[in-house]
């Protein structure tokens, strides 16, 4: 293998979630920021809520309403 070709692997990288949870993970990046993790994800917490960070649900509903209206 060639030397200095592969990225440096950090055994104790810090992953920070938007909910405030902090994890130590192995990664090539020294720090990772994420929007959702196992401590705040609805599947793992049992809370059923819509995670809409970019208005995707509204955009889908608007497109769906337009196609239903066009078919009539």
PDB file of N, CA and C in Angstrom:
ATOM      1  N   UNK A   1       0.826  -1.185   0.000  1.00  0.00           N
ATOM      2  CA  UNK A   1       0.000   0.000   0.000  1.00  0.00           C
ATOM      3  C   UNK A   1       0.872   1.252   0.000  1.00  0.00           C
ATOM      4  N   UNK A   2       0.378   2.291  -0.651  1.00  0.00           N
ATOM      5  CA  UNK A   2       1.104   3.551  -0.679  1.00  0.00           C
ATOM      6  C   UNK A   2       0.936   4.286   0.646  1.00  0.00           C
ATOM      7  N   UNK A   3       1.989   4.914   1.088  1.00  0.00           N
ATOM      8  CA  UNK A   3       1.932   5.679   2.329  1.00  0.00           C
ATOM      9  C   UNK A   3       1.268   7.030   2.084  1.00  0.00           C
ATOM     10  N   UNK A   4       0.571   7.516   3.091  1.00  0.00           N
ATOM     11  CA  UNK A   4      -0.092   8.822   3.082  1.00  0.00           C
ATOM     12  C   UNK A   4      -1.124   8.971   1.963  1.00  0.00           C
ATOM     13  N   UNK A   5      -1.731   7.862   1.544  1.00  0.00           N
ATOM     14  CA  UNK A   5      -2.750   7.909   0.514  1.00  0.00           C
ATOM     15  C   UNK A   5      -4.149   7.914   1.130  1.00  0.00           C
ATOM     16  N   UNK A   6      -4.315   7.154   2.197  1.00  0.00           N
ATOM     17  CA  UNK A   6      -5.621   7.011   2.828  1.00  0.00           C
ATOM     18  C   UNK A   6      -5.819   8.082   3.902  1.00  0.00           C
ATOM     19  N   UNK A   7      -7.067   8.476   4.144  1.00  0.00           N
ATOM     20  CA  UNK A   7      -7.312   9.488   5.176  1.00  0.00           C
ATOM     21  C   UNK A   7      -7.017   8.942   6.571  1.00  0.00           C
ATOM     22  N   UNK A   8      -6.704   9.839   7.477  1.00  0.00           N
ATOM     23  CA  UNK A   8      -6.411   9.466   8.861  1.00  0.00           C
ATOM     24  C   UNK A   8      -7.704   9.018   9.538  1.00  0.00           C
ATOM     25  N   UNK A   9      -7.701   7.834  10.156  1.00  0.00           N
ATOM     26  CA  UNK A   9      -8.872   7.304  10.849  1.00  0.00           C
ATOM     27  C   UNK A   9      -8.797   7.672  12.322  1.00  0.00           C
ATOM     28  N   UNK A  10      -9.818   8.365  12.807  1.00  0.00           N
ATOM     29  CA  UNK A  10      -9.889   8.762  14.207  1.00  0.00           C
ATOM     30  C   UNK A  10     -10.737   7.754  14.975  1.00  0.00           C
ATOM     31  N   UNK A  11     -10.180   7.147  15.988  1.00  0.00           N
ATOM     32  CA  UNK A  11     -10.919   6.161  16.774  1.00  0.00           C
ATOM     33  C   UNK A  11     -11.968   6.842  17.645  1.00  0.00           C
ATOM     34  N   UNK A  12     -11.692   8.023  18.137  1.00  0.00           N
ATOM     35  CA  UNK A  12     -12.598   8.713  19.055  1.00  0.00           C
ATOM     36  C   UNK A  12     -13.103  10.026  18.461  1.00  0.00           C
ATOM     37  N   UNK A  13     -13.766   9.951  17.313  1.00  0.00           N
ATOM     38  CA  UNK A  13     -14.390  11.142  16.745  1.00  0.00           C
ATOM     39  C   UNK A  13     -15.658  11.449  17.538  1.00  0.00           C
ATOM     40  N   UNK A  14     -16.029  12.712  17.580  1.00  0.00           N
ATOM     41  CA  UNK A  14     -17.205  13.118  18.337  1.00  0.00           C
ATOM     42  C   UNK A  14     -18.339  13.420  17.369  1.00  0.00           C
ATOM     43  N   UNK A  15     -19.473  12.731  17.567  1.00  0.00           N
ATOM     44  CA  UNK A  15     -20.674  12.963  16.775  1.00  0.00           C
ATOM     45  C   UNK A  15     -21.681  13.695  17.651  1.00  0.00           C
ATOM     46  N   UNK A  16     -22.136  14.864  17.195  1.00  0.00           N
ATOM     47  CA  UNK A  16     -23.075  15.681  17.951  1.00  0.00           C
ATOM     48  C   UNK A  16     -24.388  15.778  17.189  1.00  0.00           C
ATOM     49  N   UNK A  17     -25.488  15.505  17.884  1.00  0.00           N
ATOM     50  CA  UNK A  17     -26.814  15.566  17.279  1.00  0.00           C
ATOM     51  C   UNK A  17     -27.455  16.916  17.583  1.00  0.00           C
ATOM     52  N   UNK A  18     -28.451  17.279  16.800  1.00  0.00           N
ATOM     53  CA  UNK A  18     -29.168  18.532  17.024  1.00  0.00           C
ATOM     54  C   UNK A  18     -29.942  18.515  18.337  1.00  0.00           C
ATOM     55  N   UNK A  19     -30.276  17.329  18.845  1.00  0.00           N
ATOM     56  CA  UNK A  19     -31.011  17.230  20.112  1.00  0.00           C
ATOM     57  C   UNK A  19     -30.091  17.415  21.311  1.00  0.00           C
ATOM     58  N   UNK A  20     -28.787  17.421  21.088  1.00  0.00           N
ATOM     59  CA  UNK A  20     -27.834  17.622  22.175  1.00  0.00           C
ATOM     60  C   UNK A  20     -27.076  16.373  22.576  1.00  0.00           C
ATOM     61  N   UNK A  21     -27.421  15.239  22.014  1.00  0.00           N
ATOM     62  CA  UNK A  21     -26.730  13.988  22.335  1.00  0.00           C
ATOM     63  C   UNK A  21     -25.332  13.990  21.721  1.00  0.00           C
ATOM     64  N   UNK A  22     -24.373  13.429  22.448  1.00  0.00           N
ATOM     65  CA  UNK A  22     -22.985  13.362  21.990  1.00  0.00           C
ATOM     66  C   UNK A  22     -22.533  11.909  22.039  1.00  0.00           C
ATOM     67  N   UNK A  23     -21.929  11.430  20.948  1.00  0.00           N
ATOM     68  CA  UNK A  23     -21.450  10.057  20.841  1.00  0.00           C
ATOM     69  C   UNK A  23     -19.982  10.058  20.445  1.00  0.00           C
ATOM     70  N   UNK A  24     -19.268   9.028  20.828  1.00  0.00           N
ATOM     71  CA  UNK A  24     -17.914   8.802  20.327  1.00  0.00           C
ATOM     72  C   UNK A  24     -18.000   7.689  19.297  1.00  0.00           C
ATOM     73  N   UNK A  25     -17.533   7.978  18.100  1.00  0.00           N
ATOM     74  CA  UNK A  25     -17.578   7.021  16.999  1.00  0.00           C
ATOM     75  C   UNK A  25     -16.235   7.007  16.290  1.00  0.00           C
ATOM     76  N   UNK A  26     -16.017   6.009  15.468  1.00  0.00           N
ATOM     77  CA  UNK A  26     -14.818   5.951  14.644  1.00  0.00           C
ATOM     78  C   UNK A  26     -15.122   6.525  13.273  1.00  0.00           C
ATOM     79  N   UNK A  27     -14.298   7.450  12.809  1.00  0.00           N
ATOM     80  CA  UNK A  27     -14.551   8.103  11.535  1.00  0.00           C
ATOM     81  C   UNK A  27     -13.274   8.749  11.015  1.00  0.00           C
ATOM     82  N   UNK A  28     -13.293   9.118   9.749  1.00  0.00           N
ATOM     83  CA  UNK A  28     -12.173   9.861   9.184  1.00  0.00           C
ATOM     84  C   UNK A  28     -12.313  11.353   9.452  1.00  0.00           C
ATOM     85  N   UNK A  29     -13.492  11.776   9.870  1.00  0.00           N
ATOM     86  CA  UNK A  29     -13.720  13.180  10.221  1.00  0.00           C
ATOM     87  C   UNK A  29     -13.558  13.346  11.728  1.00  0.00           C
ATOM     88  N   UNK A  30     -12.921  14.402  12.192  1.00  0.00           N
ATOM     89  CA  UNK A  30     -12.725  14.566  13.641  1.00  0.00           C
ATOM     90  C   UNK A  30     -14.008  14.918  14.378  1.00  0.00           C
ATOM     91  N   UNK A  31     -14.955  15.599  13.700  1.00  0.00           N
ATOM     92  CA  UNK A  31     -16.211  15.995  14.333  1.00  0.00           C
ATOM     93  C   UNK A  31     -17.346  15.833  13.335  1.00  0.00           C
ATOM     94  N   UNK A  32     -18.462  15.245  13.785  1.00  0.00           N
ATOM     95  CA  UNK A  32     -19.613  15.006  12.926  1.00  0.00           C
ATOM     96  C   UNK A  32     -20.827  15.671  13.560  1.00  0.00           C
ATOM     97  N   UNK A  33     -21.590  16.417  12.760  1.00  0.00           N
ATOM     98  CA  UNK A  33     -22.843  17.005  13.234  1.00  0.00           C
ATOM     99  C   UNK A  33     -23.978  16.353  12.449  1.00  0.00           C
ATOM    100  N   UNK A  34     -25.041  15.940  13.176  1.00  0.00           N
ATOM    101  CA  UNK A  34     -26.171  15.287  12.528  1.00  0.00           C
ATOM    102  C   UNK A  34     -27.483  15.880  13.025  1.00  0.00           C
ATOM    103  N   UNK A  35     -28.531  15.714  12.225  1.00  0.00           N
ATOM    104  CA  UNK A  35     -29.835  16.264  12.578  1.00  0.00           C
ATOM    105  C   UNK A  35     -30.630  15.329  13.478  1.00  0.00           C
ATOM    106  N   UNK A  36     -30.440  14.037  13.334  1.00  0.00           N
ATOM    107  CA  UNK A  36     -31.259  13.080  14.069  1.00  0.00           C
ATOM    108  C   UNK A  36     -30.413  11.876  14.459  1.00  0.00           C
ATOM    109  N   UNK A  37     -30.677  11.323  15.642  1.00  0.00           N
ATOM    110  CA  UNK A  37     -29.914  10.176  16.133  1.00  0.00           C
ATOM    111  C   UNK A  37     -30.874   9.176  16.773  1.00  0.00           C
ATOM    112  N   UNK A  38     -30.345   8.136  17.361  1.00  0.00           N
ATOM    113  CA  UNK A  38     -31.184   7.109  17.971  1.00  0.00           C
ATOM    114  C   UNK A  38     -31.889   7.599  19.229  1.00  0.00           C
ATOM    115  N   UNK A  39     -31.414   8.670  19.830  1.00  0.00           N
ATOM    116  CA  UNK A  39     -32.062   9.186  21.038  1.00  0.00           C
ATOM    117  C   UNK A  39     -33.235  10.112  20.731  1.00  0.00           C
ATOM    118  N   UNK A  40     -33.323  10.614  19.511  1.00  0.00           N
ATOM    119  CA  UNK A  40     -34.435  11.501  19.168  1.00  0.00           C
ATOM    120  C   UNK A  40     -35.236  11.017  17.960  1.00  0.00           C
ATOM    121  N   UNK A  41     -34.843   9.912  17.325  1.00  0.00           N
ATOM    122  CA  UNK A  41     -35.571   9.389  16.178  1.00  0.00           C
ATOM    123  C   UNK A  41     -36.885   8.761  16.644  1.00  0.00           C
ATOM    124  N   UNK A  42     -38.010   9.032  15.970  1.00  0.00           N
ATOM    125  CA  UNK A  42     -39.307   8.508  16.405  1.00  0.00           C
ATOM    126  C   UNK A  42     -39.368   6.982  16.468  1.00  0.00           C
ATOM    127  N   UNK A  43     -38.648   6.291  15.618  1.00  0.00           N
ATOM    128  CA  UNK A  43     -38.674   4.829  15.642  1.00  0.00           C
ATOM    129  C   UNK A  43     -38.116   4.290  16.949  1.00  0.00           C
ATOM    130  N   UNK A  44     -37.043   4.881  17.436  1.00  0.00           N
ATOM    131  CA  UNK A  44     -36.397   4.407  18.652  1.00  0.00           C
ATOM    132  C   UNK A  44     -37.051   4.951  19.918  1.00  0.00           C
ATOM    133  N   UNK A  45     -37.614   6.153  19.864  1.00  0.00           N
ATOM    134  CA  UNK A  45     -38.216   6.746  21.058  1.00  0.00           C
ATOM    135  C   UNK A  45     -39.654   6.309  21.261  1.00  0.00           C
ATOM    136  N   UNK A  46     -40.328   5.863  20.214  1.00  0.00           N
ATOM    137  CA  UNK A  46     -41.725   5.460  20.320  1.00  0.00           C
ATOM    138  C   UNK A  46     -42.689   6.621  20.131  1.00  0.00           C
ATOM    139  N   UNK A  47     -42.192   7.826  19.999  1.00  0.00           N
ATOM    140  CA  UNK A  47     -43.041   8.990  19.748  1.00  0.00           C
ATOM    141  C   UNK A  47     -43.281   9.109  18.257  1.00  0.00           C
ATOM    142  N   UNK A  48     -44.554   9.232  17.886  1.00  0.00           N
ATOM    143  CA  UNK A  48     -44.871   9.353  16.472  1.00  0.00           C
ATOM    144  C   UNK A  48     -45.030  10.825  16.131  1.00  0.00           C
ATOM    145  N   UNK A  49     -44.110  11.353  15.349  1.00  0.00           N
ATOM    146  CA  UNK A  49     -44.192  12.731  14.896  1.00  0.00           C
ATOM    147  C   UNK A  49     -43.539  12.823  13.529  1.00  0.00           C
ATOM    148  N   UNK A  50     -43.919  13.824  12.782  1.00  0.00           N
ATOM    149  CA  UNK A  50     -43.366  14.017  11.444  1.00  0.00           C
ATOM    150  C   UNK A  50     -42.101  14.854  11.565  1.00  0.00           C
ATOM    151  N   UNK A  51     -40.997  14.340  11.039  1.00  0.00           N
ATOM    152  CA  UNK A  51     -39.726  15.062  11.038  1.00  0.00           C
ATOM    153  C   UNK A  51     -39.607  15.774   9.689  1.00  0.00           C
ATOM    154  N   UNK A  52     -40.057  17.010   9.645  1.00  0.00           N
ATOM    155  CA  UNK A  52     -40.063  17.775   8.404  1.00  0.00           C
ATOM    156  C   UNK A  52     -39.145  18.979   8.563  1.00  0.00           C
ATOM    157  N   UNK A  53     -37.904  18.832   8.136  1.00  0.00           N
ATOM    158  CA  UNK A  53     -36.947  19.918   8.314  1.00  0.00           C
ATOM    159  C   UNK A  53     -36.889  20.851   7.115  1.00  0.00           C
ATOM    160  N   UNK A  54     -37.364  20.411   5.977  1.00  0.00           N
ATOM    161  CA  UNK A  54     -37.214  21.245   4.782  1.00  0.00           C
ATOM    162  C   UNK A  54     -38.541  21.525   4.084  1.00  0.00           C
ATOM    163  N   UNK A  55     -39.696  21.310   4.748  1.00  0.00           N
ATOM    164  CA  UNK A  55     -40.988  21.573   4.131  1.00  0.00           C
ATOM    165  C   UNK A  55     -41.363  20.554   3.079  1.00  0.00           C
ATOM    166  N   UNK A  56     -40.850  19.364   3.178  1.00  0.00           N
ATOM    167  CA  UNK A  56     -41.097  18.337   2.165  1.00  0.00           C
ATOM    168  C   UNK A  56     -42.554  17.879   2.164  1.00  0.00           C
ATOM    169  N   UNK A  57     -43.153  17.779   3.345  1.00  0.00           N
ATOM    170  CA  UNK A  57     -44.535  17.314   3.432  1.00  0.00           C
ATOM    171  C   UNK A  57     -45.468  18.310   2.756  1.00  0.00           C
ATOM    172  N   UNK A  58     -45.288  19.595   3.025  1.00  0.00           N
ATOM    173  CA  UNK A  58     -46.125  20.614   2.401  1.00  0.00           C
ATOM    174  C   UNK A  58     -45.948  20.612   0.886  1.00  0.00           C
ATOM    175  N   UNK A  59     -44.712  20.454   0.435  1.00  0.00           N
ATOM    176  CA  UNK A  59     -44.443  20.429  -1.005  1.00  0.00           C
ATOM    177  C   UNK A  59     -45.124  19.231  -1.659  1.00  0.00           C
ATOM    178  N   UNK A  60     -45.084  18.067  -1.006  1.00  0.00           N
ATOM    179  CA  UNK A  60     -45.731  16.870  -1.534  1.00  0.00           C
ATOM    180  C   UNK A  60     -47.248  17.060  -1.573  1.00  0.00           C
ATOM    181  N   UNK A  61     -47.819  17.575  -0.487  1.00  0.00           N
ATOM    182  CA  UNK A  61     -49.267  17.779  -0.442  1.00  0.00           C
ATOM    183  C   UNK A  61     -49.724  18.763  -1.512  1.00  0.00           C
ATOM    184  N   UNK A  62     -48.934  19.791  -1.785  1.00  0.00           N
ATOM    185  CA  UNK A  62     -49.277  20.766  -2.817  1.00  0.00           C
ATOM    186  C   UNK A  62     -49.252  20.114  -4.201  1.00  0.00           C
ATOM    187  N   UNK A  63     -48.237  19.303  -4.472  1.00  0.00           N
ATOM    188  CA  UNK A  63     -48.170  18.609  -5.769  1.00  0.00           C
ATOM    189  C   UNK A  63     -49.314  17.616  -5.913  1.00  0.00           C
ATOM    190  N   UNK A  64     -49.632  16.917  -4.832  1.00  0.00           N
ATOM    191  CA  UNK A  64     -50.709  15.921  -4.860  1.00  0.00           C
ATOM    192  C   UNK A  64     -52.051  16.599  -5.109  1.00  0.00           C
ATOM    193  N   UNK A  65     -52.293  17.726  -4.461  1.00  0.00           N
ATOM    194  CA  UNK A  65     -53.539  18.458  -4.660  1.00  0.00           C
ATOM    195  C   UNK A  65     -53.658  18.935  -6.102  1.00  0.00           C
ATOM    196  N   UNK A  66     -52.567  19.343  -6.696  1.00  0.00           N
ATOM    197  CA  UNK A  66     -52.587  19.808  -8.083  1.00  0.00           C
ATOM    198  C   UNK A  66     -52.911  18.665  -9.039  1.00  0.00           C
ATOM    199  N   UNK A  67     -52.389  17.472  -8.796  1.00  0.00           N
ATOM    200  CA  UNK A  67     -52.671  16.342  -9.690  1.00  0.00           C
ATOM    201  C   UNK A  67     -54.097  15.848  -9.514  1.00  0.00           C
ATOM    202  N   UNK A  68     -54.613  15.867  -8.297  1.00  0.00           N
ATOM    203  CA  UNK A  68     -56.001  15.448  -8.064  1.00  0.00           C
ATOM    204  C   UNK A  68     -56.951  16.431  -8.731  1.00  0.00           C
ATOM    205  N   UNK A  69     -56.640  17.723  -8.647  1.00  0.00           N
ATOM    206  CA  UNK A  69     -57.465  18.761  -9.267  1.00  0.00           C
ATOM    207  C   UNK A  69     -57.428  18.630 -10.788  1.00  0.00           C
ATOM    208  N   UNK A  70     -56.282  18.293 -11.349  1.00  0.00           N
ATOM    209  CA  UNK A  70     -56.128  18.168 -12.801  1.00  0.00           C
ATOM    210  C   UNK A  70     -56.889  16.961 -13.343  1.00  0.00           C
ATOM    211  N   UNK A  71     -57.026  15.902 -12.558  1.00  0.00           N
ATOM    212  CA  UNK A  71     -57.724  14.696 -13.012  1.00  0.00           C
ATOM    213  C   UNK A  71     -59.230  14.897 -13.065  1.00  0.00           C
ATOM    214  N   UNK A  72     -59.768  15.846 -12.285  1.00  0.00           N
ATOM    215  CA  UNK A  72     -61.225  16.073 -12.257  1.00  0.00           C
ATOM    216  C   UNK A  72     -61.685  16.844 -13.421  1.00  0.00           C
TER     217      UNK A  72
END
